[in-house]
Amino acid sequence: MASPARDRFVAHHTMSTCKTVLRIWPKHRPPPPLPLTQRRHESSTRRHRKLLALPEAPSYTADRSAPTLIFNPPSSSPSVFHTPLKFLPKEDKRQQLYAAAQTYATAAAHSRQASPVAAPGTPLSSPSLMPPRPSAALPAPVREPYEKKYHLTTTDMDEIRRLRNSDPDKWTRVKLAAKFGCSQFFVGLVAKAPEKAAAVARSHEAARRKWGTKRRIAREDRERRKALWGRDA
């Protein structure tokens, strides 16, 4: 059986632990570190319209209804390089000044020595802000420059046709071009093999049947782009 003293102790302990938030929150809050200032934002149509209503510049204000030439030069000193050379007469001294300045700039650029770190062929072992200086000599060509030759005669073309018709599998366009010193396109123009072309087309069609969905869609997109190359977008 509970005693009255025990009941009073339990009730007081319960009330002390179940305090409300208002009782726990401090009554006096510390002031903010920065002063509270009222700010007005340009968030209304009237304020935006007022800001955009700028007065017209004096040089842009027309004093007559007829079209006039507006002259509003920048606030800087004039330079001789602002006038194009085509508008200057031949005996003008600015022509000589421009030529002398260009010659001096070219000579200074060629005489400037580049850092050994940024020289061509040198690995960048240390950090450098200078880009590698291009060398004047070009690298050796991968192959000799191709020049068109018009050395085949009618007899040579007849021989190309004979070899091509005798055995198209052996005498392909690659072999005939290497034998007669011409291009494969020229061999295809001179000697056509419709049976060989049909066989190649059938093999390509058999390979296309094995394509998946993604590859087929990609090839169709490529053909569509090729068809649109010559058209206006």
Protein backbone atom coordinates (compact mmCIF):
# COMPACT_ATOMS: atom_id res chain seq x y z
CA MET A 1 0.00 0.00 0.00
CA ALA A 2 1.51 3.34 -1.11
CA SER A 3 2.03 6.02 1.48
CA PRO A 4 1.04 9.72 1.00
CA ALA A 5 4.69 10.82 1.15
CA ARG A 6 5.61 8.45 -1.68
CA ASP A 7 2.74 9.79 -3.82
CA ARG A 8 3.81 13.39 -3.29
CA PHE A 9 7.45 12.52 -4.25
CA VAL A 10 6.39 10.77 -7.50
CA ALA A 11 4.05 13.65 -8.49
CA HIS A 12 6.72 16.29 -7.87
CA HIS A 13 9.38 14.33 -9.80
CA THR A 14 7.02 13.85 -12.77
CA MET A 15 6.12 17.55 -12.95
CA SER A 16 9.77 18.58 -12.77
CA THR A 17 10.84 16.34 -15.68
CA CYS A 18 7.89 17.24 -17.97
CA LYS A 19 8.65 20.95 -18.35
CA THR A 20 7.36 22.69 -21.43
CA VAL A 21 9.55 24.18 -24.12
CA LEU A 22 8.66 27.72 -23.13
CA ARG A 23 9.98 27.13 -19.61
CA ILE A 24 13.25 25.58 -20.85
CA TRP A 25 13.93 28.32 -23.52
CA PRO A 26 15.93 31.22 -22.06
CA LYS A 27 13.97 34.40 -21.52
CA HIS A 28 16.75 36.79 -22.63
CA ARG A 29 18.27 35.99 -26.09
CA PRO A 30 21.67 37.47 -26.98
CA PRO A 31 21.61 40.31 -29.54
CA PRO A 32 22.59 39.48 -33.15
CA PRO A 33 26.21 40.25 -34.17
CA LEU A 34 25.14 42.43 -37.15
CA PRO A 35 22.65 45.29 -36.97
CA LEU A 36 19.28 44.67 -38.59
CA THR A 37 18.92 46.85 -41.68
CA GLN A 38 15.94 47.15 -43.97
CA ARG A 39 16.63 46.16 -47.58
CA ARG A 40 14.61 46.89 -50.69
CA HIS A 41 14.93 44.54 -53.61
CA GLU A 42 14.31 45.44 -57.27
CA SER A 43 11.48 42.96 -57.51
CA SER A 44 8.68 45.13 -58.88
CA THR A 45 7.87 46.13 -62.44
CA ARG A 46 7.80 49.81 -61.58
CA ARG A 47 11.32 49.78 -60.14
CA HIS A 48 12.69 47.90 -63.13
CA ARG A 49 11.03 50.35 -65.53
CA LYS A 50 12.43 53.27 -63.56
CA LEU A 51 15.96 51.86 -63.75
CA LEU A 52 15.74 51.29 -67.50
CA ALA A 53 14.48 54.81 -68.21
CA LEU A 54 17.93 56.22 -68.93
CA PRO A 55 18.41 59.65 -70.48
CA GLU A 56 19.62 59.74 -74.06
CA ALA A 57 23.27 60.49 -74.74
CA PRO A 58 23.91 63.94 -76.22
CA SER A 59 25.70 62.51 -79.27
CA TYR A 60 22.82 60.16 -80.05
CA THR A 61 20.10 62.80 -79.85
CA ALA A 62 19.05 63.77 -83.36
CA ASP A 63 18.52 67.48 -83.90
CA ARG A 64 16.73 67.00 -87.23
CA SER A 65 14.51 64.44 -88.87
CA ALA A 66 16.91 63.68 -91.75
CA PRO A 67 19.39 60.77 -91.28
CA THR A 68 22.66 61.97 -89.80
CA LEU A 69 26.06 60.43 -89.05
CA ILE A 70 26.50 59.70 -85.33
CA PHE A 71 29.99 60.42 -84.00
CA ASN A 72 30.69 59.03 -80.54
CA PRO A 73 34.44 58.32 -80.21
CA PRO A 74 35.75 56.31 -77.24
CA SER A 75 37.55 58.00 -74.39
CA SER A 76 41.05 56.99 -75.51
CA SER A 77 43.88 58.40 -77.54
CA PRO A 78 43.74 57.74 -81.30
CA SER A 79 46.03 55.14 -82.85
CA VAL A 80 47.44 54.85 -86.35
CA PHE A 81 46.44 51.18 -86.46
CA HIS A 82 42.72 51.98 -86.28
CA THR A 83 42.61 53.19 -89.88
CA PRO A 84 42.65 50.35 -92.42
CA LEU A 85 45.44 50.49 -94.96
CA LYS A 86 43.05 50.41 -97.91
CA PHE A 87 41.67 53.80 -96.87
CA LEU A 88 45.11 55.44 -96.68
CA PRO A 89 46.79 57.01 -99.71
CA LYS A 90 50.03 55.50 -100.95
CA GLU A 91 52.13 58.50 -99.95
CA ASP A 92 50.73 58.58 -96.39
CA LYS A 93 53.36 58.25 -93.64
CA ARG A 94 51.16 55.90 -91.66
CA GLN A 95 51.83 53.26 -94.29
CA GLN A 96 55.55 53.39 -93.47
CA LEU A 97 54.88 53.43 -89.71
CA TYR A 98 52.70 50.33 -89.95
CA ALA A 99 55.26 48.48 -92.10
CA ALA A 100 58.10 49.39 -89.72
CA ALA A 101 56.12 48.24 -86.67
CA GLN A 102 55.25 44.94 -88.33
CA THR A 103 58.88 44.35 -89.33
CA TYR A 104 60.07 45.10 -85.80
CA ALA A 105 57.50 42.73 -84.25
CA THR A 106 58.50 39.93 -86.63
CA ALA A 107 62.22 40.40 -85.94
CA ALA A 108 61.63 40.48 -82.18
CA ALA A 109 59.59 37.28 -82.31
CA HIS A 110 62.31 35.44 -84.28
CA SER A 111 65.16 36.72 -82.09
CA ARG A 112 63.52 35.77 -78.82
CA GLN A 113 65.16 32.67 -77.38
CA ALA A 114 62.95 29.93 -75.98
CA SER A 115 63.61 28.11 -72.74
CA PRO A 116 65.53 24.79 -73.09
CA VAL A 117 62.74 23.13 -71.13
CA ALA A 118 60.17 24.16 -73.74
CA ALA A 119 62.36 23.31 -76.75
CA PRO A 120 60.99 20.66 -79.13
CA GLY A 121 62.10 17.16 -78.24
CA THR A 122 62.95 18.03 -74.63
CA PRO A 123 60.81 16.45 -71.91
CA LEU A 124 59.18 18.86 -69.49
CA SER A 125 61.14 17.84 -66.41
CA SER A 126 60.32 21.07 -64.56
CA PRO A 127 57.12 23.13 -64.58
CA SER A 128 57.11 25.75 -67.31
CA LEU A 129 54.45 28.17 -68.45
CA MET A 130 55.95 28.55 -71.92
CA PRO A 131 54.46 26.42 -74.70
CA PRO A 132 56.82 24.35 -76.86
CA ARG A 133 58.29 26.45 -79.65
CA PRO A 134 57.48 24.98 -83.07
CA SER A 135 60.47 24.05 -85.16
CA ALA A 136 60.95 25.38 -88.67
CA ALA A 137 61.74 21.96 -90.17
CA LEU A 138 58.81 19.69 -90.98
CA PRO A 139 58.92 16.00 -90.06
CA ALA A 140 59.75 13.44 -92.70
CA PRO A 141 56.73 12.40 -94.78
CA VAL A 142 55.20 9.02 -94.06
CA ARG A 143 55.02 8.22 -97.75
CA GLU A 144 56.00 9.94 -100.96
CA PRO A 145 53.57 12.56 -102.26
CA TYR A 146 51.13 11.01 -104.70
CA GLU A 147 51.10 12.50 -108.16
CA LYS A 148 48.65 11.61 -110.90
CA LYS A 149 50.15 9.81 -113.85
CA TYR A 150 48.68 9.60 -117.33
CA HIS A 151 51.00 6.93 -118.68
CA LEU A 152 48.56 4.12 -119.53
CA THR A 153 47.82 3.51 -123.17
CA THR A 154 44.96 1.74 -124.89
CA THR A 155 46.97 -1.50 -124.93
CA ASP A 156 47.46 -1.31 -121.15
CA MET A 157 43.75 -0.81 -120.60
CA ASP A 158 42.94 -3.79 -122.80
CA GLU A 159 45.37 -5.89 -120.77
CA ILE A 160 43.69 -4.74 -117.55
CA ARG A 161 40.31 -5.83 -118.91
CA ARG A 162 41.67 -9.20 -120.05
CA LEU A 163 43.23 -10.00 -116.69
CA ARG A 164 40.20 -8.84 -114.80
CA ASN A 165 37.77 -10.90 -116.87
CA SER A 166 39.99 -14.00 -116.85
CA ASP A 167 40.17 -14.39 -113.06
CA PRO A 168 38.50 -11.66 -110.93
CA ASP A 169 39.41 -13.42 -107.68
CA LYS A 170 43.12 -13.47 -108.52
CA TRP A 171 43.43 -10.16 -110.34
CA THR A 172 41.69 -7.87 -107.93
CA ARG A 173 41.65 -4.10 -108.22
CA VAL A 174 44.43 -3.85 -105.66
CA LYS A 175 46.76 -6.13 -107.60
CA LEU A 176 45.97 -4.53 -110.95
CA ALA A 177 46.57 -1.04 -109.53
CA ALA A 178 49.94 -2.11 -108.13
CA LYS A 179 50.92 -3.84 -111.42
CA PHE A 180 50.08 -0.96 -113.75
CA GLY A 181 50.85 1.92 -111.38
CA CYS A 182 47.39 3.46 -111.23
CA SER A 183 44.61 3.89 -108.71
CA GLN A 184 42.02 1.27 -107.77
CA PHE A 185 39.27 3.68 -108.81
CA PHE A 186 40.71 3.82 -112.33
CA VAL A 187 40.83 0.03 -112.50
CA GLY A 188 37.17 -0.12 -111.49
CA LEU A 189 36.29 2.34 -114.26
CA VAL A 190 38.25 0.52 -116.94
CA ALA A 191 37.42 -3.11 -116.11
CA LYS A 192 34.11 -3.85 -114.43
CA ALA A 193 33.28 -7.31 -113.07
CA PRO A 194 29.51 -7.53 -112.47
CA GLU A 195 29.70 -11.15 -111.24
CA LYS A 196 32.35 -10.27 -108.67
CA ALA A 197 30.38 -7.22 -107.55
CA ALA A 198 27.23 -9.33 -107.14
CA ALA A 199 29.11 -11.93 -105.09
CA VAL A 200 30.53 -9.22 -102.80
CA ALA A 201 27.05 -7.72 -102.41
CA ARG A 202 25.63 -11.12 -101.42
CA SER A 203 28.35 -11.64 -98.81
CA HIS A 204 27.67 -8.19 -97.36
CA GLU A 205 23.96 -8.91 -97.22
CA ALA A 206 24.64 -12.19 -95.38
CA ALA A 207 26.79 -10.33 -92.87
CA ARG A 208 24.08 -7.71 -92.38
CA ARG A 209 21.55 -10.40 -91.47
CA LYS A 210 23.68 -11.26 -88.44
CA TRP A 211 23.59 -7.75 -87.04
CA GLY A 212 21.87 -7.03 -83.78
CA THR A 213 19.28 -4.36 -83.08
CA LYS A 214 21.75 -1.71 -81.85
CA ARG A 215 24.12 -2.12 -84.77
CA ARG A 216 21.29 -2.03 -87.29
CA ILE A 217 19.90 1.17 -85.79
CA ALA A 218 23.37 2.74 -85.77
CA ARG A 219 23.92 1.91 -89.45
CA GLU A 220 20.49 3.25 -90.39
CA ASP A 221 21.26 6.49 -88.56
CA ARG A 222 24.57 6.74 -90.43
CA GLU A 223 22.89 6.30 -93.80
CA ARG A 224 20.29 8.91 -92.84
CA ARG A 225 23.02 11.40 -91.91
CA LYS A 226 24.82 10.77 -95.20
CA ALA A 227 21.61 11.45 -97.10
CA LEU A 228 21.20 14.76 -95.27
CA TRP A 229 24.76 15.96 -95.94
CA GLY A 230 23.82 17.66 -99.20
CA ARG A 231 20.60 19.17 -97.92
CA ASP A 232 19.94 22.30 -95.92
CA ALA A 233 19.34 21.63 -92.24
